[in-house]
N, C-alpha and C. Protein backbone atom coordinates (compact mmCIF):
# COMPACT_ATOMS: atom_id res chain seq x y z
N MET A 1 -3.63 -10.70 28.31
CA MET A 1 -3.48 -10.11 26.75
C MET A 1 -1.95 -8.53 27.69
N ASP A 2 -1.15 -8.94 26.60
CA ASP A 2 0.40 -7.76 26.78
C ASP A 2 0.48 -7.52 26.43
N VAL A 3 0.56 -5.92 27.05
CA VAL A 3 1.09 -4.31 26.66
C VAL A 3 1.21 -4.63 25.24
N ASN A 4 2.02 -5.17 24.29
CA ASN A 4 2.32 -5.09 22.72
C ASN A 4 1.53 -5.64 21.91
N LEU A 5 0.29 -6.18 22.45
CA LEU A 5 -0.86 -6.60 22.05
C LEU A 5 -1.97 -5.86 21.87
N ALA A 6 -1.93 -5.40 22.71
CA ALA A 6 -2.94 -4.34 23.58
C ALA A 6 -2.80 -2.71 23.19
N ALA A 7 -1.75 -2.52 22.89
CA ALA A 7 -1.43 -1.05 22.15
C ALA A 7 -1.83 -1.80 20.32
N ALA A 8 -1.34 -2.41 19.47
CA ALA A 8 -1.15 -3.37 18.22
C ALA A 8 -2.86 -2.49 18.30
N VAL A 9 -3.83 -3.49 19.25
CA VAL A 9 -5.39 -4.18 18.60
C VAL A 9 -6.07 -2.14 18.63
N GLN A 10 -4.92 -1.16 20.26
CA GLN A 10 -5.66 -0.29 19.65
C GLN A 10 -5.43 0.90 18.43
N LEU A 11 -4.28 0.67 18.21
CA LEU A 11 -3.81 0.90 17.18
C LEU A 11 -4.48 0.64 15.40
N GLY A 12 -4.96 -0.22 15.63
CA GLY A 12 -5.48 -0.86 14.44
C GLY A 12 -7.31 -0.63 14.49
N SER A 13 -7.80 -0.69 16.10
CA SER A 13 -9.15 0.28 15.93
C SER A 13 -9.04 1.37 15.44
N ILE A 14 -8.23 1.94 16.28
CA ILE A 14 -8.00 4.00 15.40
C ILE A 14 -7.76 3.96 13.67
N VAL A 15 -6.87 3.04 13.21
CA VAL A 15 -6.98 3.01 12.14
C VAL A 15 -8.14 2.30 11.48
N ASP A 16 -9.18 1.66 11.72
CA ASP A 16 -10.07 1.53 11.05
C ASP A 16 -11.17 2.76 11.46
N HIS A 17 -11.22 3.00 12.31
CA HIS A 17 -12.33 3.91 12.97
C HIS A 17 -12.28 5.01 11.73
N HIS A 18 -10.98 5.47 11.71
CA HIS A 18 -10.47 7.09 11.84
C HIS A 18 -9.55 7.87 10.47
N TRP A 19 -8.78 7.02 10.74
CA TRP A 19 -8.02 6.93 9.13
C TRP A 19 -9.12 7.57 8.19
N LYS A 20 -9.74 7.33 7.57
CA LYS A 20 -10.30 7.70 6.46
C LYS A 20 -10.76 8.79 6.30
N PHE A 21 -11.03 9.33 7.87
CA PHE A 21 -11.09 11.10 7.52
C PHE A 21 -9.93 11.91 7.21
N LYS A 22 -10.38 12.86 6.00
CA LYS A 22 -9.20 13.56 5.68
C LYS A 22 -9.29 14.95 6.09
N THR A 23 -10.43 15.81 6.50
CA THR A 23 -11.16 16.54 6.30
C THR A 23 -12.52 16.89 7.60
N GLU A 24 -12.49 17.67 7.94
CA GLU A 24 -13.88 18.33 9.07
C GLU A 24 -15.27 17.57 7.53
N GLU A 25 -15.61 18.49 7.33
CA GLU A 25 -16.59 18.51 6.13
C GLU A 25 -16.84 17.05 5.74
N GLN A 26 -15.67 16.78 5.00
CA GLN A 26 -15.60 14.71 4.26
C GLN A 26 -16.30 14.13 5.62
N ALA A 27 -15.62 14.45 6.93
CA ALA A 27 -16.00 13.52 7.97
C ALA A 27 -17.22 13.55 8.24
N ARG A 28 -17.69 14.79 7.78
CA ARG A 28 -18.99 14.87 8.63
C ARG A 28 -20.37 14.07 7.82
N LYS A 29 -19.58 14.56 6.29
CA LYS A 29 -20.57 13.72 5.11
C LYS A 29 -20.83 12.15 5.29
N ILE A 30 -19.47 11.61 6.24
CA ILE A 30 -19.74 9.91 6.09
C ILE A 30 -20.07 9.23 6.58
N SER A 31 -19.79 9.96 8.32
CA SER A 31 -19.91 9.40 9.58
C SER A 31 -21.23 9.29 9.94
N VAL A 32 -21.59 8.99 11.08
CA VAL A 32 -22.62 8.52 11.44
C VAL A 32 -23.28 9.97 12.47
N GLU A 33 -24.28 10.10 12.57
CA GLU A 33 -24.27 11.37 13.44
C GLU A 33 -24.45 11.24 15.00
N GLY A 34 -23.31 12.32 15.65
CA GLY A 34 -22.96 11.64 16.74
C GLY A 34 -21.58 10.93 17.15
N PHE A 35 -21.21 10.59 16.39
CA PHE A 35 -19.51 9.86 16.20
C PHE A 35 -18.65 10.72 16.56
N ASP A 36 -17.92 10.75 17.50
CA ASP A 36 -16.77 11.85 17.34
C ASP A 36 -15.63 11.08 16.65
N PHE A 37 -15.13 11.14 15.73
CA PHE A 37 -14.04 11.35 14.49
C PHE A 37 -12.94 11.86 14.91
N ILE A 38 -12.01 11.79 13.98
CA ILE A 38 -10.62 12.29 14.64
C ILE A 38 -10.08 12.22 13.17
N ILE A 39 -9.27 13.37 12.71
CA ILE A 39 -8.44 13.75 11.97
C ILE A 39 -7.12 13.51 12.25
N PHE A 40 -6.48 12.75 11.78
CA PHE A 40 -5.23 13.36 12.21
C PHE A 40 -4.39 14.08 11.65
N ALA A 41 -3.36 14.59 11.70
CA ALA A 41 -2.35 15.47 11.17
C ALA A 41 -1.85 14.83 10.35
N GLU A 42 -1.78 14.97 8.45
CA GLU A 42 -0.72 14.64 7.93
C GLU A 42 0.90 14.17 8.57
N ALA A 43 1.42 15.04 8.95
CA ALA A 43 2.69 14.35 9.57
C ALA A 43 2.22 13.50 10.44
N ASP A 44 1.48 13.22 11.25
CA ASP A 44 1.24 12.07 12.24
C ASP A 44 1.12 10.79 11.45
N LYS A 45 0.72 10.85 10.88
CA LYS A 45 -0.60 9.48 9.75
C LYS A 45 0.87 9.68 8.88
N ALA A 46 2.36 10.32 8.74
CA ALA A 46 3.27 9.91 7.88
C ALA A 46 4.19 8.64 8.47
N LEU A 47 4.39 9.41 10.22
CA LEU A 47 4.80 9.02 11.15
C LEU A 47 4.56 7.71 10.83
N VAL A 48 2.96 7.38 11.43
CA VAL A 48 2.59 5.85 11.55
C VAL A 48 3.32 4.88 9.68
N ARG A 49 3.13 5.83 8.81
CA ARG A 49 3.40 4.54 7.69
C ARG A 49 4.97 4.89 7.85
N SER A 50 5.21 5.37 8.11
CA SER A 50 6.96 5.08 8.86
C SER A 50 7.21 3.88 9.36
N ASN A 51 6.53 4.02 10.57
CA ASN A 51 7.36 2.68 11.51
C ASN A 51 6.73 1.51 11.78
N LEU A 52 5.55 1.47 10.92
CA LEU A 52 5.12 0.18 10.80
C LEU A 52 5.79 -0.90 10.25
N ALA A 53 6.82 -0.55 9.62
CA ALA A 53 7.81 -2.03 9.07
C ALA A 53 8.41 -2.30 9.90
N GLN A 54 9.11 -0.88 10.62
CA GLN A 54 10.06 -1.38 11.95
C GLN A 54 9.32 -2.22 13.16
N SER A 55 7.77 -1.75 13.56
CA SER A 55 7.06 -2.46 13.88
C SER A 55 6.85 -4.11 14.16
N LEU A 56 6.60 -4.13 12.43
CA LEU A 56 6.66 -5.59 12.12
C LEU A 56 7.96 -6.37 12.68
N TYR A 57 8.83 -5.85 12.25
CA TYR A 57 10.36 -6.79 12.74
C TYR A 57 10.26 -6.98 14.24
N ILE A 58 10.11 -5.37 14.98
CA ILE A 58 10.29 -5.38 16.56
C ILE A 58 9.57 -6.67 16.84
N ALA A 59 8.67 -7.17 16.05
CA ALA A 59 7.11 -8.19 16.89
C ALA A 59 7.25 -9.50 16.46
N ALA A 60 8.49 -10.03 15.49
CA ALA A 60 8.65 -10.95 14.71
C ALA A 60 8.29 -12.21 16.12
N GLY A 61 7.86 -13.04 15.42
CA GLY A 61 7.54 -14.16 16.73
C GLY A 61 5.98 -14.07 17.63
N ASN A 62 5.37 -12.74 17.37
CA ASN A 62 4.27 -12.56 18.10
C ASN A 62 3.56 -12.68 17.12
N THR A 63 2.88 -13.14 16.70
CA THR A 63 2.18 -13.43 15.32
C THR A 63 0.55 -12.63 15.68
N LYS A 64 0.31 -12.45 16.82
CA LYS A 64 -0.94 -11.76 17.14
C LYS A 64 -0.95 -10.26 16.86
N VAL A 65 0.19 -9.83 17.64
CA VAL A 65 0.85 -8.83 17.87
C VAL A 65 0.79 -8.25 15.50
N ILE A 66 1.58 -8.88 15.00
CA ILE A 66 1.87 -8.79 13.84
C ILE A 66 0.64 -8.59 13.10
N LYS A 67 -0.66 -10.16 13.35
CA LYS A 67 -1.64 -9.97 12.03
C LYS A 67 -2.19 -7.99 12.68
N GLN A 68 -2.54 -7.38 14.00
CA GLN A 68 -2.62 -6.14 13.94
C GLN A 68 -1.78 -5.31 13.08
N TYR A 69 -0.71 -4.98 13.38
CA TYR A 69 0.03 -5.12 12.12
C TYR A 69 0.11 -4.41 10.57
N VAL A 70 -0.14 -6.16 10.21
CA VAL A 70 -0.75 -6.29 8.60
C VAL A 70 -2.69 -5.93 8.77
N ARG A 71 -3.16 -5.50 9.74
CA ARG A 71 -4.19 -5.05 9.54
C ARG A 71 -4.34 -3.60 9.23
N CYS A 72 -3.40 -2.96 10.22
CA CYS A 72 -3.37 -1.33 9.95
C CYS A 72 -2.81 -0.76 8.52
N ILE A 73 -1.76 -1.91 8.10
CA ILE A 73 -1.15 -1.42 7.07
C ILE A 73 -2.12 -1.61 5.81
N THR A 74 -2.87 -3.07 5.92
CA THR A 74 -3.82 -2.89 4.78
C THR A 74 -5.29 -1.67 5.07
N VAL A 75 -5.19 -1.25 5.53
CA VAL A 75 -6.38 -0.68 6.29
C VAL A 75 -5.76 0.91 5.15
N ILE A 76 -4.49 1.46 5.97
CA ILE A 76 -3.83 2.49 5.41
C ILE A 76 -3.27 2.59 4.17
N ALA A 77 -2.84 1.38 3.31
CA ALA A 77 -2.49 1.29 2.26
C ALA A 77 -3.98 1.05 0.83
N ARG A 78 -4.67 1.01 1.67
CA ARG A 78 -6.72 1.37 1.09
C ARG A 78 -6.95 2.82 0.77
N HIS A 79 -6.08 3.42 1.91
CA HIS A 79 -6.76 4.50 2.09
C HIS A 79 -5.78 5.83 1.01
N ASP A 80 -4.18 5.18 1.45
CA ASP A 80 -2.87 6.41 1.21
C ASP A 80 -2.47 5.65 -0.32
N TYR A 81 -2.27 4.66 -0.25
CA TYR A 81 -1.48 4.25 -1.48
C TYR A 81 -2.01 4.30 -2.97
N PRO A 82 -1.67 4.78 -4.11
CA PRO A 82 0.49 5.10 -3.77
C PRO A 82 0.34 6.84 -3.55
N GLU A 83 -0.48 7.58 -3.45
CA GLU A 83 -0.26 9.00 -3.78
C GLU A 83 -0.03 9.33 -1.98
N LEU A 84 -0.31 8.77 -1.21
CA LEU A 84 0.70 9.13 0.08
C LEU A 84 1.53 8.39 0.96
N TRP A 85 1.73 6.79 -0.31
CA TRP A 85 2.31 6.40 0.22
C TRP A 85 3.78 5.47 -0.72
N PRO A 86 3.98 6.16 -1.13
CA PRO A 86 4.46 5.80 -2.13
C PRO A 86 5.65 4.25 -2.08
N ASP A 87 5.98 4.66 -1.09
CA ASP A 87 7.43 3.95 -0.99
C ASP A 87 6.69 2.35 -0.28
N LEU A 88 5.59 2.08 -0.29
CA LEU A 88 4.80 1.03 0.27
C LEU A 88 5.53 0.02 0.11
N LEU A 89 5.92 -0.57 -1.50
CA LEU A 89 6.48 -1.66 -2.15
C LEU A 89 8.13 -1.80 -2.34
N GLY A 90 8.33 -0.24 -2.19
CA GLY A 90 9.81 -0.31 -2.42
C GLY A 90 10.59 -0.14 -1.41
């Protein structure tokens, strides 16, 4: 596994497991007891959202990496579009 793919897989796992958490109270309600959740700062989430499209462009030709980024976009859009990611389709 190359480094780019490993990083994309790790990002995908983090997004899958932690993106949905907005506050500590909400995370405690919806997570399994003993699960160590992460609550990302909105500035960090905004940085990820703004860089995903560029990352797809950079990964051109590496379909395995592209699939991981598309997975991230899908999960993030499910939670953030349109309120927090209004320019996703624009």
